[in-house]
C-alpha atoms as a PDB file:
ATOM      1  CA  UNK A   1      -8.843  10.648  22.303  1.00  0.00           C
ATOM      2  CA  UNK A   2      -8.661   7.182  20.754  1.00  0.00           C
ATOM      3  CA  UNK A   3      -4.868   7.418  20.497  1.00  0.00           C
ATOM      4  CA  UNK A   4      -4.638   8.489  24.125  1.00  0.00           C
ATOM      5  CA  UNK A   5      -6.746   5.500  25.159  1.00  0.00           C
ATOM      6  CA  UNK A   6      -4.654   3.119  23.041  1.00  0.00           C
ATOM      7  CA  UNK A   7      -1.372   4.262  24.610  1.00  0.00           C
ATOM      8  CA  UNK A   8      -2.691   4.874  28.101  1.00  0.00           C
ATOM      9  CA  UNK A   9      -1.754   2.400  30.816  1.00  0.00           C
ATOM     10  CA  UNK A  10      -5.254   2.904  32.266  1.00  0.00           C
ATOM     11  CA  UNK A  11      -7.928   0.779  30.562  1.00  0.00           C
ATOM     12  CA  UNK A  12     -11.559  -0.018  31.188  1.00  0.00           C
ATOM     13  CA  UNK A  13     -10.502  -3.596  31.794  1.00  0.00           C
ATOM     14  CA  UNK A  14      -6.844  -3.942  32.910  1.00  0.00           C
ATOM     15  CA  UNK A  15      -4.535  -5.802  30.523  1.00  0.00           C
ATOM     16  CA  UNK A  16      -3.302  -8.201  33.193  1.00  0.00           C
ATOM     17  CA  UNK A  17      -6.685  -9.977  33.116  1.00  0.00           C
ATOM     18  CA  UNK A  18      -5.977 -12.749  30.610  1.00  0.00           C
ATOM     19  CA  UNK A  19      -8.199 -12.599  27.508  1.00  0.00           C
ATOM     20  CA  UNK A  20     -10.669  -9.875  28.382  1.00  0.00           C
ATOM     21  CA  UNK A  21      -7.916  -7.334  29.118  1.00  0.00           C
ATOM     22  CA  UNK A  22      -6.672  -7.365  25.520  1.00  0.00           C
ATOM     23  CA  UNK A  23     -10.119  -7.912  24.052  1.00  0.00           C
ATOM     24  CA  UNK A  24     -11.361  -4.493  25.194  1.00  0.00           C
ATOM     25  CA  UNK A  25      -8.436  -2.862  23.344  1.00  0.00           C
ATOM     26  CA  UNK A  26      -9.191  -4.885  20.231  1.00  0.00           C
ATOM     27  CA  UNK A  27     -12.807  -3.720  20.291  1.00  0.00           C
ATOM     28  CA  UNK A  28     -12.691  -0.157  21.652  1.00  0.00           C
ATOM     29  CA  UNK A  29      -9.767   1.186  19.585  1.00  0.00           C
ATOM     30  CA  UNK A  30     -11.111   0.143  16.133  1.00  0.00           C
ATOM     31  CA  UNK A  31     -14.586   1.385  17.082  1.00  0.00           C
ATOM     32  CA  UNK A  32     -13.086   4.690  18.192  1.00  0.00           C
ATOM     33  CA  UNK A  33     -11.163   5.067  14.932  1.00  0.00           C
ATOM     34  CA  UNK A  34     -14.303   4.245  12.959  1.00  0.00           C
ATOM     35  CA  UNK A  35     -16.301   6.812  14.943  1.00  0.00           C
ATOM     36  CA  UNK A  36     -13.666   9.511  14.472  1.00  0.00           C
ATOM     37  CA  UNK A  37     -13.592   8.872  10.724  1.00  0.00           C
ATOM     38  CA  UNK A  38     -17.384   9.112  10.573  1.00  0.00           C
ATOM     39  CA  UNK A  39     -17.325  12.460  12.407  1.00  0.00           C
ATOM     40  CA  UNK A  40     -14.744  14.106  10.132  1.00  0.00           C
ATOM     41  CA  UNK A  41     -16.473  16.185   7.413  1.00  0.00           C
ATOM     42  CA  UNK A  42     -16.142  14.804   3.891  1.00  0.00           C
ATOM     43  CA  UNK A  43     -14.463  17.955   2.525  1.00  0.00           C
ATOM     44  CA  UNK A  44     -11.730  17.656   5.168  1.00  0.00           C
ATOM     45  CA  UNK A  45     -11.082  14.032   4.206  1.00  0.00           C
ATOM     46  CA  UNK A  46     -10.998  14.936   0.502  1.00  0.00           C
ATOM     47  CA  UNK A  47      -8.545  17.797   1.099  1.00  0.00           C
ATOM     48  CA  UNK A  48      -6.351  15.570   3.255  1.00  0.00           C
ATOM     49  CA  UNK A  49      -6.299  12.837   0.619  1.00  0.00           C
ATOM     50  CA  UNK A  50      -5.329  15.397  -2.019  1.00  0.00           C
ATOM     51  CA  UNK A  51      -2.470  16.669   0.169  1.00  0.00           C
ATOM     52  CA  UNK A  52      -1.353  13.086   0.812  1.00  0.00           C
ATOM     53  CA  UNK A  53      -1.338  12.329  -2.934  1.00  0.00           C
ATOM     54  CA  UNK A  54       0.772  15.422  -3.604  1.00  0.00           C
ATOM     55  CA  UNK A  55       3.162  14.478  -0.801  1.00  0.00           C
ATOM     56  CA  UNK A  56       3.529  10.920  -2.136  1.00  0.00           C
ATOM     57  CA  UNK A  57       4.139  12.216  -5.665  1.00  0.00           C
ATOM     58  CA  UNK A  58       6.812  14.573  -4.329  1.00  0.00           C
ATOM     59  CA  UNK A  59       8.466  11.742  -2.399  1.00  0.00           C
ATOM     60  CA  UNK A  60       8.579   9.615  -5.554  1.00  0.00           C
ATOM     61  CA  UNK A  61      10.187  12.475  -7.465  1.00  0.00           C
ATOM     62  CA  UNK A  62      12.755  12.955  -4.725  1.00  0.00           C
ATOM     63  CA  UNK A  63      13.469   9.209  -4.690  1.00  0.00           C
ATOM     64  CA  UNK A  64      14.203   9.345  -8.409  1.00  0.00           C
ATOM     65  CA  UNK A  65      16.628  12.195  -7.734  1.00  0.00           C
ATOM     66  CA  UNK A  66      18.461   9.997  -5.219  1.00  0.00           C
ATOM     67  CA  UNK A  67      18.734   7.206  -7.762  1.00  0.00           C
ATOM     68  CA  UNK A  68      20.196   9.614 -10.314  1.00  0.00           C
ATOM     69  CA  UNK A  69      22.646  10.977  -7.721  1.00  0.00           C
ATOM     70  CA  UNK A  70      23.822   7.466  -6.813  1.00  0.00           C
ATOM     71  CA  UNK A  71      24.333   6.607 -10.481  1.00  0.00           C
ATOM     72  CA  UNK A  72      26.392   9.755 -11.062  1.00  0.00           C
ATOM     73  CA  UNK A  73      28.521   9.047  -7.989  1.00  0.00           C
ATOM     74  CA  UNK A  74      29.114   5.486  -9.169  1.00  0.00           C
ATOM     75  CA  UNK A  75      30.236   6.751 -12.584  1.00  0.00           C
ATOM     76  CA  UNK A  76      32.699   9.167 -10.923  1.00  0.00           C
ATOM     77  CA  UNK A  77      34.056   6.381  -8.690  1.00  0.00           C
ATOM     78  CA  UNK A  78      34.503   4.133 -11.727  1.00  0.00           C
ATOM     79  CA  UNK A  79      36.314   6.917 -13.636  1.00  0.00           C
ATOM     80  CA  UNK A  80      38.552   7.659 -10.643  1.00  0.00           C
ATOM     81  CA  UNK A  81      39.410   3.965 -10.306  1.00  0.00           C
ATOM     82  CA  UNK A  82      40.159   3.728 -14.028  1.00  0.00           C
ATOM     83  CA  UNK A  83      42.365   6.841 -13.905  1.00  0.00           C
ATOM     84  CA  UNK A  84      44.218   5.505 -10.880  1.00  0.00           C
ATOM     85  CA  UNK A  85      44.866   2.141 -12.587  1.00  0.00           C
ATOM     86  CA  UNK A  86      46.019   3.751 -15.851  1.00  0.00           C
ATOM     87  CA  UNK A  87      48.139   6.635 -14.568  1.00  0.00           C
ATOM     88  CA  UNK A  88      49.382   5.568 -11.150  1.00  0.00           C
ATOM     89  CA  UNK A  89      49.634   1.787 -11.099  1.00  0.00           C
END
């Protein structure tokens, strides 16, 4: 509901009213997020944090695999260049 309010073109106070129009968004959206976080049960938050930690760890492992793949490709390019210079040129 908070996300819908944040992205909705309909506000309590329209945004075209100079300061107050943006001020309601700056107050209502953070309060809504805070309220939603307070209403979520603690075990759900703990399980979600555990899943997020596992996902981040997996992403780091995958990133290391990309680094290794790039290094191997660079070695093959260097060997191909060396072979071309020695045998063809």
